[in-house]
Amino acid sequence: MATNYEAAAGFITAYGQSEAQKAAAINQQTGYMVQARDNLAIAGVRSDMDNQYAEIQAGRILKKAENEAMNYQIAGNSLLKNMRATNASMRARAAASGVVVGEGSYAAVARENVAATMRDVGIADLNALTAKVLGFEDASAMIQSTQYQTFLNNFFAQRQAGQYEMAASAARTQGNLLSSYTLLKGGMDLAKTYAPTPPKKAS
């Protein structure tokens, strides 16, 4: 009879071990799933921060380009202002000297002054336009580069999360199999103990 009690106790122990193995498998699965979720969450936060930083830097680049273009425009306006002042001064001197303003050396000098100034103004305008264009290109390149890097980071995070999910599923399956084996073995041991003893043959 003691053997039957021992067998029952062994089955109960096997059942406890089986449930413990299930719990351990669930716990391991949960750990993997949490890790997968955390990886995706971190990747999402990092992507948002990278995009915000890129937008801020792009805005600074555009503002710098805008300031450079404005400086070139101011320089061009200064050239025009100086040209008008110079021509006005020349007209005043010519008038004081009794020279006809629209003729002779004054007219030639004034025309050359206007031509040289307009060339310089054209260069300033071109520089202003170039500064704007390059600023737009640099800002666009920064945003595109950040978006591409963000895409890669998210892709690898999702891939790693998928690996964690596969590991979680495998851990749960393995734990269930081990639990079932433990319980089955305990049941078989118990069945062997309670199996009826065949009657002895009469001699």
N, C-alpha and C. Protein backbone atom coordinates (compact mmCIF):
# COMPACT_ATOMS: atom_id res chain seq x y z
N MET A 1 0.81 -1.20 0.00
CA MET A 1 0.00 0.00 0.00
C MET A 1 0.85 1.26 0.00
N ALA A 2 1.98 1.14 0.68
CA ALA A 2 2.89 2.29 0.72
C ALA A 2 3.36 2.65 -0.67
N THR A 3 3.51 1.60 -1.50
CA THR A 3 3.97 1.85 -2.87
C THR A 3 2.95 2.67 -3.63
N ASN A 4 1.65 2.39 -3.39
CA ASN A 4 0.61 3.16 -4.07
C ASN A 4 0.63 4.62 -3.64
N TYR A 5 0.83 4.84 -2.36
CA TYR A 5 0.93 6.21 -1.87
C TYR A 5 2.13 6.94 -2.49
N GLU A 6 3.22 6.21 -2.53
CA GLU A 6 4.42 6.81 -3.13
C GLU A 6 4.19 7.13 -4.61
N ALA A 7 3.49 6.21 -5.29
CA ALA A 7 3.21 6.45 -6.70
C ALA A 7 2.30 7.66 -6.87
N ALA A 8 1.29 7.79 -5.99
CA ALA A 8 0.39 8.94 -6.06
C ALA A 8 1.15 10.24 -5.79
N ALA A 9 2.02 10.15 -4.79
CA ALA A 9 2.83 11.34 -4.48
C ALA A 9 3.73 11.70 -5.66
N GLY A 10 4.28 10.68 -6.33
CA GLY A 10 5.13 10.93 -7.49
C GLY A 10 4.34 11.57 -8.62
N PHE A 11 3.08 11.14 -8.80
CA PHE A 11 2.25 11.72 -9.85
C PHE A 11 1.94 13.19 -9.54
N ILE A 12 1.64 13.44 -8.26
CA ILE A 12 1.36 14.83 -7.87
C ILE A 12 2.59 15.70 -8.09
N THR A 13 3.75 15.14 -7.75
CA THR A 13 5.00 15.88 -7.98
C THR A 13 5.21 16.15 -9.47
N ALA A 14 4.93 15.13 -10.30
CA ALA A 14 5.07 15.29 -11.75
C ALA A 14 4.11 16.35 -12.26
N TYR A 15 2.89 16.35 -11.71
CA TYR A 15 1.91 17.36 -12.12
C TYR A 15 2.39 18.76 -11.75
N GLY A 16 2.95 18.88 -10.55
CA GLY A 16 3.49 20.18 -10.13
C GLY A 16 4.63 20.64 -11.03
N GLN A 17 5.51 19.70 -11.35
CA GLN A 17 6.62 20.03 -12.25
C GLN A 17 6.10 20.43 -13.62
N SER A 18 5.07 19.74 -14.08
CA SER A 18 4.47 20.05 -15.38
C SER A 18 3.92 21.47 -15.41
N GLU A 19 3.19 21.85 -14.37
CA GLU A 19 2.63 23.20 -14.30
C GLU A 19 3.73 24.24 -14.17
N ALA A 20 4.78 23.90 -13.42
CA ALA A 20 5.91 24.83 -13.28
C ALA A 20 6.59 25.06 -14.62
N GLN A 21 6.72 23.99 -15.40
CA GLN A 21 7.32 24.12 -16.73
C GLN A 21 6.45 24.97 -17.65
N LYS A 22 5.14 24.82 -17.54
CA LYS A 22 4.24 25.68 -18.31
C LYS A 22 4.41 27.14 -17.93
N ALA A 23 4.47 27.39 -16.61
CA ALA A 23 4.62 28.76 -16.12
C ALA A 23 5.95 29.36 -16.58
N ALA A 24 7.00 28.53 -16.53
CA ALA A 24 8.31 29.02 -16.98
C ALA A 24 8.29 29.35 -18.47
N ALA A 25 7.60 28.52 -19.26
CA ALA A 25 7.50 28.77 -20.70
C ALA A 25 6.72 30.06 -20.96
N ILE A 26 5.63 30.26 -20.22
CA ILE A 26 4.85 31.49 -20.38
C ILE A 26 5.68 32.71 -19.99
N ASN A 27 6.43 32.57 -18.90
CA ASN A 27 7.26 33.67 -18.44
C ASN A 27 8.33 34.01 -19.48
N GLN A 28 8.96 32.99 -20.06
CA GLN A 28 9.98 33.22 -21.08
C GLN A 28 9.35 33.84 -22.34
N GLN A 29 8.19 33.34 -22.71
CA GLN A 29 7.49 33.89 -23.86
C GLN A 29 7.16 35.37 -23.64
N THR A 30 6.66 35.67 -22.44
CA THR A 30 6.32 37.06 -22.12
C THR A 30 7.55 37.96 -22.20
N GLY A 31 8.68 37.45 -21.70
CA GLY A 31 9.91 38.23 -21.75
C GLY A 31 10.32 38.56 -23.18
N TYR A 32 10.24 37.58 -24.06
CA TYR A 32 10.57 37.83 -25.47
C TYR A 32 9.60 38.82 -26.11
N MET A 33 8.30 38.68 -25.80
CA MET A 33 7.31 39.58 -26.38
C MET A 33 7.51 41.02 -25.90
N VAL A 34 7.82 41.16 -24.62
CA VAL A 34 8.09 42.49 -24.07
C VAL A 34 9.32 43.11 -24.74
N GLN A 35 10.36 42.29 -24.94
CA GLN A 35 11.56 42.78 -25.60
C GLN A 35 11.26 43.22 -27.03
N ALA A 36 10.44 42.44 -27.73
CA ALA A 36 10.07 42.82 -29.10
C ALA A 36 9.30 44.13 -29.12
N ARG A 37 8.35 44.27 -28.18
CA ARG A 37 7.57 45.50 -28.11
C ARG A 37 8.44 46.70 -27.76
N ASP A 38 9.35 46.53 -26.80
CA ASP A 38 10.23 47.62 -26.39
C ASP A 38 11.14 48.05 -27.54
N ASN A 39 11.64 47.08 -28.30
CA ASN A 39 12.51 47.42 -29.43
C ASN A 39 11.77 48.28 -30.44
N LEU A 40 10.53 47.90 -30.75
CA LEU A 40 9.74 48.68 -31.72
C LEU A 40 9.43 50.07 -31.16
N ALA A 41 9.12 50.14 -29.87
CA ALA A 41 8.81 51.43 -29.26
C ALA A 41 10.02 52.35 -29.28
N ILE A 42 11.18 51.79 -28.93
CA ILE A 42 12.42 52.59 -28.93
C ILE A 42 12.75 53.06 -30.33
N ALA A 43 12.59 52.16 -31.31
CA ALA A 43 12.86 52.54 -32.70
C ALA A 43 11.92 53.65 -33.15
N GLY A 44 10.66 53.58 -32.73
CA GLY A 44 9.71 54.63 -33.09
C GLY A 44 10.07 55.97 -32.49
N VAL A 45 10.43 55.97 -31.21
CA VAL A 45 10.83 57.22 -30.54
C VAL A 45 12.10 57.79 -31.19
N ARG A 46 13.05 56.91 -31.46
CA ARG A 46 14.30 57.36 -32.09
C ARG A 46 14.03 57.96 -33.47
N SER A 47 13.13 57.33 -34.22
CA SER A 47 12.79 57.85 -35.55
C SER A 47 12.18 59.24 -35.45
N ASP A 48 11.26 59.40 -34.49
CA ASP A 48 10.62 60.71 -34.32
C ASP A 48 11.65 61.78 -33.95
N MET A 49 12.56 61.43 -33.05
CA MET A 49 13.58 62.40 -32.63
C MET A 49 14.53 62.74 -33.78
N ASP A 50 14.92 61.72 -34.54
CA ASP A 50 15.81 61.96 -35.68
C ASP A 50 15.13 62.86 -36.71
N ASN A 51 13.85 62.60 -36.97
CA ASN A 51 13.12 63.42 -37.95
C ASN A 51 12.98 64.86 -37.46
N GLN A 52 12.69 65.02 -36.18
CA GLN A 52 12.57 66.37 -35.63
C GLN A 52 13.91 67.11 -35.70
N TYR A 53 15.00 66.41 -35.37
CA TYR A 53 16.32 67.03 -35.43
C TYR A 53 16.66 67.42 -36.87
N ALA A 54 16.34 66.53 -37.83
CA ALA A 54 16.62 66.83 -39.23
C ALA A 54 15.82 68.04 -39.70
N GLU A 55 14.57 68.12 -39.27
CA GLU A 55 13.75 69.27 -39.65
C GLU A 55 14.30 70.57 -39.07
N ILE A 56 14.77 70.49 -37.82
CA ILE A 56 15.35 71.68 -37.19
C ILE A 56 16.62 72.11 -37.93
N GLN A 57 17.49 71.13 -38.22
CA GLN A 57 18.73 71.45 -38.92
C GLN A 57 18.45 71.96 -40.33
N ALA A 58 17.46 71.36 -41.00
CA ALA A 58 17.10 71.82 -42.33
C ALA A 58 16.59 73.26 -42.27
N GLY A 59 15.80 73.56 -41.25
CA GLY A 59 15.32 74.93 -41.08
C GLY A 59 16.46 75.91 -40.86
N ARG A 60 17.46 75.49 -40.11
CA ARG A 60 18.63 76.36 -39.89
C ARG A 60 19.40 76.59 -41.18
N ILE A 61 19.52 75.52 -41.98
CA ILE A 61 20.23 75.65 -43.27
C ILE A 61 19.48 76.62 -44.18
N LEU A 62 18.16 76.48 -44.23
CA LEU A 62 17.37 77.38 -45.08
C LEU A 62 17.47 78.82 -44.58
N LYS A 63 17.44 79.00 -43.26
CA LYS A 63 17.55 80.34 -42.71
C LYS A 63 18.92 80.95 -43.02
N LYS A 64 19.96 80.14 -42.92
CA LYS A 64 21.30 80.62 -43.25
C LYS A 64 21.39 81.00 -44.72
N ALA A 65 20.81 80.17 -45.59
CA ALA A 65 20.82 80.48 -47.02
C ALA A 65 20.03 81.75 -47.31
N GLU A 66 18.91 81.89 -46.59
CA GLU A 66 18.09 83.10 -46.77
C GLU A 66 18.87 84.35 -46.34
N ASN A 67 19.61 84.24 -45.24
CA ASN A 67 20.41 85.37 -44.78
C ASN A 67 21.53 85.70 -45.77
N GLU A 68 22.16 84.66 -46.30
CA GLU A 68 23.22 84.90 -47.29
C GLU A 68 22.65 85.57 -48.54
N ALA A 69 21.50 85.09 -48.99
CA ALA A 69 20.87 85.70 -50.16
C ALA A 69 20.50 87.16 -49.89
N MET A 70 20.01 87.41 -48.68
CA MET A 70 19.66 88.79 -48.32
C MET A 70 20.88 89.68 -48.30
N ASN A 71 22.00 89.15 -47.80
CA ASN A 71 23.24 89.93 -47.77
C ASN A 71 23.70 90.28 -49.19
N TYR A 72 23.57 89.32 -50.11
CA TYR A 72 23.92 89.60 -51.50
C TYR A 72 22.99 90.65 -52.10
N GLN A 73 21.71 90.59 -51.77
CA GLN A 73 20.77 91.58 -52.28
C GLN A 73 21.06 92.96 -51.70
N ILE A 74 21.41 92.98 -50.42
CA ILE A 74 21.79 94.25 -49.80
C ILE A 74 23.02 94.82 -50.48
N ALA A 75 23.98 93.93 -50.76
CA ALA A 75 25.20 94.39 -51.45
C ALA A 75 24.85 94.95 -52.83
N GLY A 76 23.95 94.28 -53.56
CA GLY A 76 23.53 94.79 -54.87
C GLY A 76 22.85 96.13 -54.76
N ASN A 77 21.98 96.29 -53.76
CA ASN A 77 21.31 97.58 -53.56
C ASN A 77 22.31 98.67 -53.21
N SER A 78 23.32 98.29 -52.43
CA SER A 78 24.37 99.27 -52.07
C SER A 78 25.13 99.72 -53.31
N LEU A 79 25.39 98.78 -54.21
CA LEU A 79 26.07 99.14 -55.46
C LEU A 79 25.24 100.13 -56.27
N LEU A 80 23.95 99.87 -56.37
CA LEU A 80 23.07 100.78 -57.10
C LEU A 80 23.02 102.15 -56.43
N LYS A 81 22.95 102.14 -55.09
CA LYS A 81 22.91 103.40 -54.36
C LYS A 81 24.20 104.19 -54.59
N ASN A 82 25.34 103.51 -54.53
CA ASN A 82 26.62 104.18 -54.77
C ASN A 82 26.71 104.70 -56.19
N MET A 83 26.17 103.92 -57.14
CA MET A 83 26.20 104.36 -58.54
C MET A 83 25.39 105.63 -58.72
N ARG A 84 24.21 105.65 -58.13
CA ARG A 84 23.39 106.86 -58.25
C ARG A 84 24.06 108.06 -57.61
N ALA A 85 24.69 107.80 -56.44
CA ALA A 85 25.38 108.91 -55.76
C ALA A 85 26.55 109.42 -56.59
N THR A 86 27.31 108.49 -57.18
CA THR A 86 28.46 108.87 -57.99
C THR A 86 28.02 109.66 -59.23
N ASN A 87 26.99 109.17 -59.90
CA ASN A 87 26.51 109.87 -61.10
C ASN A 87 25.94 111.24 -60.75
N ALA A 88 25.27 111.31 -59.62
CA ALA A 88 24.73 112.61 -59.21
C ALA A 88 25.85 113.59 -58.93
N SER A 89 26.89 113.10 -58.27
CA SER A 89 28.04 113.96 -57.98
C SER A 89 28.72 114.43 -59.28
N MET A 90 28.82 113.48 -60.24
CA MET A 90 29.43 113.84 -61.53
C MET A 90 28.57 114.86 -62.27
N ARG A 91 27.25 114.72 -62.21
CA ARG A 91 26.37 115.68 -62.86
C ARG A 91 26.51 117.07 -62.24
N ALA A 92 26.63 117.05 -60.91
CA ALA A 92 26.76 118.34 -60.22
C ALA A 92 28.07 119.04 -60.62
N ARG A 93 29.16 118.29 -60.65
CA ARG A 93 30.44 118.88 -61.03
C ARG A 93 30.42 119.35 -62.48
N ALA A 94 29.77 118.53 -63.35
CA ALA A 94 29.70 118.92 -64.77
C ALA A 94 28.89 120.18 -64.93
N ALA A 95 27.78 120.26 -64.20
CA ALA A 95 26.95 121.46 -64.31
C ALA A 95 27.67 122.69 -63.79
N ALA A 96 28.43 122.50 -62.69
CA ALA A 96 29.18 123.62 -62.14
C ALA A 96 30.28 124.08 -63.09
N SER A 97 30.80 123.17 -63.88
CA SER A 97 31.87 123.51 -64.82
C SER A 97 31.33 123.97 -66.17
N GLY A 98 30.01 123.95 -66.33
CA GLY A 98 29.42 124.37 -67.58
C GLY A 98 29.48 123.31 -68.66
N VAL A 99 29.65 122.02 -68.26
CA VAL A 99 29.73 120.92 -69.23
C VAL A 99 28.32 120.40 -69.48
N VAL A 100 28.03 120.07 -70.74
CA VAL A 100 26.74 119.47 -71.07
C VAL A 100 26.71 118.05 -70.50
N VAL A 101 25.70 117.78 -69.70
CA VAL A 101 25.67 116.51 -68.96
C VAL A 101 25.54 115.32 -69.89
N GLY A 102 24.73 115.38 -70.90
CA GLY A 102 24.48 114.22 -71.74
C GLY A 102 25.50 114.00 -72.83
N GLU A 103 26.59 114.73 -72.84
CA GLU A 103 27.55 114.62 -73.93
C GLU A 103 28.97 114.47 -73.37
N GLY A 104 29.88 114.16 -74.27
CA GLY A 104 31.29 114.15 -73.95
C GLY A 104 31.74 113.09 -72.98
N SER A 105 32.84 113.44 -72.28
CA SER A 105 33.48 112.46 -71.39
C SER A 105 32.58 112.09 -70.22
N TYR A 106 31.73 113.03 -69.77
CA TYR A 106 30.85 112.71 -68.64
C TYR A 106 29.90 111.58 -69.00
N ALA A 107 29.31 111.69 -70.19
CA ALA A 107 28.36 110.66 -70.61
C ALA A 107 29.04 109.30 -70.73
N ALA A 108 30.27 109.28 -71.24
CA ALA A 108 31.00 108.01 -71.39
C ALA A 108 31.32 107.41 -70.03
N VAL A 109 31.78 108.28 -69.11
CA VAL A 109 32.11 107.78 -67.76
C VAL A 109 30.84 107.28 -67.06
N ALA A 110 29.74 108.01 -67.22
CA ALA A 110 28.48 107.61 -66.57
C ALA A 110 27.99 106.27 -67.13
N ARG A 111 28.10 106.11 -68.46
CA ARG A 111 27.67 104.84 -69.05
C ARG A 111 28.52 103.68 -68.55
N GLU A 112 29.83 103.90 -68.48
CA GLU A 112 30.71 102.83 -67.99
C GLU A 112 30.44 102.52 -66.52
N ASN A 113 30.15 103.56 -65.77
CA ASN A 113 29.82 103.38 -64.36
C ASN A 113 28.55 102.54 -64.20
N VAL A 114 27.55 102.86 -65.02
CA VAL A 114 26.30 102.11 -64.97
C VAL A 114 26.52 100.65 -65.39
N ALA A 115 27.29 100.46 -66.46
CA ALA A 115 27.53 99.11 -66.96
C ALA A 115 28.28 98.26 -65.93
N ALA A 116 29.33 98.85 -65.33
CA ALA A 116 30.11 98.09 -64.33
C ALA A 116 29.25 97.76 -63.11
N THR A 117 28.44 98.73 -62.70
CA THR A 117 27.58 98.50 -61.54
C THR A 117 26.57 97.41 -61.81
N MET A 118 25.96 97.44 -63.02
CA MET A 118 24.96 96.43 -63.33
C MET A 118 25.58 95.04 -63.42
N ARG A 119 26.84 94.97 -63.89
CA ARG A 119 27.51 93.67 -63.89
C ARG A 119 27.68 93.17 -62.46
N ASP A 120 28.11 94.06 -61.60
CA ASP A 120 28.29 93.65 -60.20
C ASP A 120 26.96 93.29 -59.54
N VAL A 121 25.92 94.04 -59.87
CA VAL A 121 24.60 93.74 -59.33
C VAL A 121 24.11 92.38 -59.83
N GLY A 122 24.37 92.10 -61.12
CA GLY A 122 24.00 90.80 -61.67
C GLY A 122 24.70 89.66 -60.96
N ILE A 123 25.98 89.87 -60.65
CA ILE A 123 26.73 88.84 -59.92
C ILE A 123 26.16 88.66 -58.51
N ALA A 124 25.80 89.78 -57.87
CA ALA A 124 25.21 89.70 -56.53
C ALA A 124 23.88 88.96 -56.58
N ASP A 125 23.06 89.26 -57.60
CA ASP A 125 21.78 88.55 -57.72
C ASP A 125 21.99 87.06 -57.97
N LEU A 126 22.98 86.74 -58.79
CA LEU A 126 23.28 85.34 -59.06
C LEU A 126 23.75 84.63 -57.79
N ASN A 127 24.59 85.31 -57.02
CA ASN A 127 25.05 84.73 -55.77
C ASN A 127 23.89 84.52 -54.79
N ALA A 128 22.96 85.47 -54.78
CA ALA A 128 21.80 85.33 -53.91
C ALA A 128 20.96 84.12 -54.32
N LEU A 129 20.74 83.99 -55.62
CA LEU A 129 19.97 82.85 -56.11
C LEU A 129 20.69 81.53 -55.82
N THR A 130 22.02 81.52 -56.03
CA THR A 130 22.81 80.32 -55.77
C THR A 130 22.74 79.92 -54.31
N ALA A 131 22.81 80.92 -53.42
CA ALA A 131 22.73 80.63 -51.99
C ALA A 131 21.40 79.98 -51.64
N LYS A 132 20.31 80.48 -52.24
CA LYS A 132 19.00 79.89 -51.97
C LYS A 132 18.91 78.46 -52.49
N VAL A 133 19.38 78.27 -53.73
CA VAL A 133 19.30 76.94 -54.34
C VAL A 133 20.12 75.93 -53.55
N LEU A 134 21.35 76.31 -53.22
CA LEU A 134 22.21 75.40 -52.44
C LEU A 134 21.62 75.13 -51.06
N GLY A 135 20.99 76.13 -50.49
CA GLY A 135 20.35 75.93 -49.19
C GLY A 135 19.22 74.93 -49.28
N PHE A 136 18.39 75.06 -50.32
CA PHE A 136 17.31 74.10 -50.52
C PHE A 136 17.87 72.70 -50.76
N GLU A 137 18.93 72.60 -51.55
CA GLU A 137 19.52 71.29 -51.84
C GLU A 137 20.07 70.65 -50.57
N ASP A 138 20.79 71.43 -49.77
CA ASP A 138 21.38 70.88 -48.54
C ASP A 138 20.28 70.45 -47.56
N ALA A 139 19.24 71.27 -47.45
CA ALA A 139 18.15 70.92 -46.53
C ALA A 139 17.42 69.66 -47.01
N SER A 140 17.18 69.59 -48.31
CA SER A 140 16.49 68.40 -48.85
C SER A 140 17.35 67.15 -48.67
N ALA A 141 18.65 67.29 -48.92
CA ALA A 141 19.55 66.14 -48.77
C ALA A 141 19.58 65.65 -47.33
N MET A 142 19.57 66.57 -46.39
CA MET A 142 19.59 66.18 -44.98
C MET A 142 18.32 65.44 -44.60
N ILE A 143 17.18 65.96 -45.03
CA ILE A 143 15.90 65.32 -44.70
C ILE A 143 15.80 63.95 -45.36
N GLN A 144 16.20 63.86 -46.63
CA GLN A 144 16.14 62.57 -47.33
C GLN A 144 17.06 61.55 -46.69
N SER A 145 18.27 61.99 -46.31
CA SER A 145 19.21 61.08 -45.67
C SER A 145 18.66 60.58 -44.34
N THR A 146 18.05 61.47 -43.57
CA THR A 146 17.47 61.08 -42.28
C THR A 146 16.31 60.12 -42.47
N GLN A 147 15.47 60.39 -43.45
CA GLN A 147 14.34 59.51 -43.72
C GLN A 147 14.81 58.11 -44.13
N TYR A 148 15.86 58.07 -44.94
CA TYR A 148 16.38 56.76 -45.37
C TYR A 148 16.96 56.01 -44.18
N GLN A 149 17.72 56.71 -43.34
CA GLN A 149 18.30 56.06 -42.16
C GLN A 149 17.21 55.62 -41.19
N THR A 150 16.17 56.42 -41.07
CA THR A 150 15.04 56.05 -40.21
C THR A 150 14.36 54.80 -40.74
N PHE A 151 14.21 54.72 -42.06
CA PHE A 151 13.60 53.53 -42.66
C PHE A 151 14.42 52.28 -42.35
N LEU A 152 15.74 52.40 -42.47
CA LEU A 152 16.61 51.26 -42.17
C LEU A 152 16.53 50.87 -40.69
N ASN A 153 16.54 51.86 -39.82
CA ASN A 153 16.45 51.57 -38.39
C ASN A 153 15.14 50.86 -38.04
N ASN A 154 14.04 51.35 -38.61
CA ASN A 154 12.75 50.71 -38.35
C ASN A 154 12.70 49.30 -38.92
N PHE A 155 13.31 49.12 -40.10
CA PHE A 155 13.32 47.80 -40.72
C PHE A 155 14.07 46.80 -39.84
N PHE A 156 15.25 47.19 -39.36
CA PHE A 156 16.03 46.29 -38.52
C PHE A 156 15.34 46.06 -37.17
N ALA A 157 14.67 47.09 -36.65
CA ALA A 157 13.95 46.91 -35.38
C ALA A 157 12.79 45.93 -35.56
N GLN A 158 12.08 46.05 -36.68
CA GLN A 158 10.98 45.11 -36.93
C GLN A 158 11.51 43.70 -37.16
N ARG A 159 12.63 43.61 -37.84
CA ARG A 159 13.23 42.29 -38.06
C ARG A 159 13.65 41.65 -36.74
N GLN A 160 14.27 42.43 -35.88
CA GLN A 160 14.68 41.91 -34.58
C GLN A 160 13.47 41.55 -33.74
N ALA A 161 12.42 42.39 -33.82
CA ALA A 161 11.20 42.08 -33.08
C ALA A 161 10.59 40.77 -33.57
N GLY A 162 10.65 40.54 -34.89
CA GLY A 162 10.16 39.27 -35.43
C GLY A 162 10.95 38.08 -34.90
N GLN A 163 12.26 38.26 -34.74
CA GLN A 163 13.08 37.18 -34.18
C GLN A 163 12.71 36.91 -32.72
N TYR A 164 12.44 37.98 -31.98
CA TYR A 164 12.01 37.79 -30.58
C TYR A 164 10.66 37.08 -30.53
N GLU A 165 9.76 37.42 -31.44
CA GLU A 165 8.45 36.78 -31.45
C GLU A 165 8.58 35.29 -31.81
N MET A 166 9.47 34.97 -32.74
CA MET A 166 9.70 33.57 -33.07
C MET A 166 10.29 32.82 -31.87
N ALA A 167 11.23 33.47 -31.18
CA ALA A 167 11.82 32.84 -29.99
C ALA A 167 10.76 32.65 -28.90
N ALA A 168 9.84 33.62 -28.78
CA ALA A 168 8.77 33.50 -27.79
C ALA A 168 7.87 32.32 -28.11
N SER A 169 7.52 32.17 -29.38
CA SER A 169 6.66 31.05 -29.78
C SER A 169 7.38 29.72 -29.56
N ALA A 170 8.66 29.67 -29.89
CA ALA A 170 9.42 28.43 -29.70
C ALA A 170 9.54 28.08 -28.22
N ALA A 171 9.75 29.09 -27.39
CA ALA A 171 9.88 28.84 -25.95
C ALA A 171 8.57 28.30 -25.39
N ARG A 172 7.45 28.87 -25.84
CA ARG A 172 6.15 28.39 -25.35
C ARG A 172 5.90 26.96 -25.82
N THR A 173 6.19 26.67 -27.08
CA THR A 173 5.98 25.32 -27.61
C THR A 173 6.85 24.30 -26.89
N GLN A 174 8.12 24.67 -26.71
CA GLN A 174 9.04 23.75 -26.04
C GLN A 174 8.60 23.51 -24.59
N GLY A 175 8.16 24.56 -23.92
CA GLY A 175 7.71 24.41 -22.54
C GLY A 175 6.47 23.54 -22.44
N ASN A 176 5.55 23.69 -23.40
CA ASN A 176 4.34 22.86 -23.39
C ASN A 176 4.67 21.39 -23.64
N LEU A 177 5.61 21.16 -24.57
CA LEU A 177 6.00 19.77 -24.85
C LEU A 177 6.66 19.13 -23.63
N LEU A 178 7.56 19.88 -23.01
CA LEU A 178 8.24 19.35 -21.83
C LEU A 178 7.25 19.11 -20.70
N SER A 179 6.28 20.04 -20.55
CA SER A 179 5.26 19.87 -19.52
C SER A 179 4.41 18.63 -19.79
N SER A 180 4.01 18.44 -21.03
CA SER A 180 3.19 17.28 -21.39
C SER A 180 3.96 15.98 -21.16
N TYR A 181 5.24 15.99 -21.50
CA TYR A 181 6.06 14.78 -21.29
C TYR A 181 6.16 14.45 -19.80
N THR A 182 6.40 15.48 -18.99
CA THR A 182 6.53 15.25 -17.55
C THR A 182 5.24 14.67 -16.97
N LEU A 183 4.11 15.26 -17.38
CA LEU A 183 2.82 14.79 -16.88
C LEU A 183 2.52 13.38 -17.38
N LEU A 184 2.84 13.12 -18.64
CA LEU A 184 2.60 11.79 -19.20
C LEU A 184 3.45 10.73 -18.50
N LYS A 185 4.69 11.06 -18.27
CA LYS A 185 5.58 10.11 -17.59
C LYS A 185 5.08 9.83 -16.17
N GLY A 186 4.63 10.88 -15.48
CA GLY A 186 4.09 10.67 -14.13
C GLY A 186 2.86 9.80 -14.16
N GLY A 187 2.01 10.00 -15.18
CA GLY A 187 0.81 9.17 -15.29
C GLY A 187 1.14 7.73 -15.60
N MET A 188 2.14 7.51 -16.46
CA MET A 188 2.53 6.14 -16.79
C MET A 188 3.13 5.43 -15.57
N ASP A 189 3.93 6.15 -14.80
CA ASP A 189 4.49 5.55 -13.58
C ASP A 189 3.39 5.19 -12.60
N LEU A 190 2.38 6.08 -12.51
CA LEU A 190 1.27 5.80 -11.61
C LEU A 190 0.47 4.59 -12.11
N ALA A 191 0.27 4.50 -13.41
CA ALA A 191 -0.49 3.38 -13.97
C ALA A 191 0.22 2.06 -13.73
N LYS A 192 1.53 2.09 -13.83
CA LYS A 192 2.29 0.85 -13.59
C LYS A 192 2.10 0.38 -12.16
N THR A 193 2.04 1.33 -11.22
CA THR A 193 1.91 0.97 -9.81
C THR A 193 0.55 0.36 -9.51
N TYR A 194 -0.50 0.93 -10.12
CA TYR A 194 -1.86 0.48 -9.85
C TYR A 194 -2.32 -0.64 -10.79
N ALA A 195 -1.45 -1.06 -11.67
CA ALA A 195 -1.82 -2.15 -12.60
C ALA A 195 -2.09 -3.44 -11.81
N PRO A 196 -3.16 -4.14 -12.10
CA PRO A 196 -3.47 -5.37 -11.33
C PRO A 196 -2.42 -6.44 -11.55
N THR A 197 -2.13 -7.17 -10.48
CA THR A 197 -1.15 -8.25 -10.56
C THR A 197 -1.82 -9.51 -11.12
N PRO A 198 -1.27 -10.08 -12.16
CA PRO A 198 -1.90 -11.27 -12.76
C PRO A 198 -1.91 -12.44 -11.75
N PRO A 199 -2.99 -13.24 -11.72
CA PRO A 199 -3.07 -14.34 -10.74
C PRO A 199 -2.03 -15.40 -11.04
N LYS A 200 -1.61 -16.03 -9.95
CA LYS A 200 -0.60 -17.09 -10.10
C LYS A 200 -1.29 -18.37 -10.58
N LYS A 201 -0.62 -19.07 -11.41
CA LYS A 201 -1.15 -20.34 -11.92
C LYS A 201 -1.03 -21.42 -10.84
N ALA A 202 -2.05 -22.23 -10.76
CA ALA A 202 -2.02 -23.32 -9.77
C ALA A 202 -1.01 -24.35 -10.19
N SER A 203 -0.26 -24.86 -9.24
CA SER A 203 0.75 -25.89 -9.57
C SER A 203 0.15 -27.26 -9.59
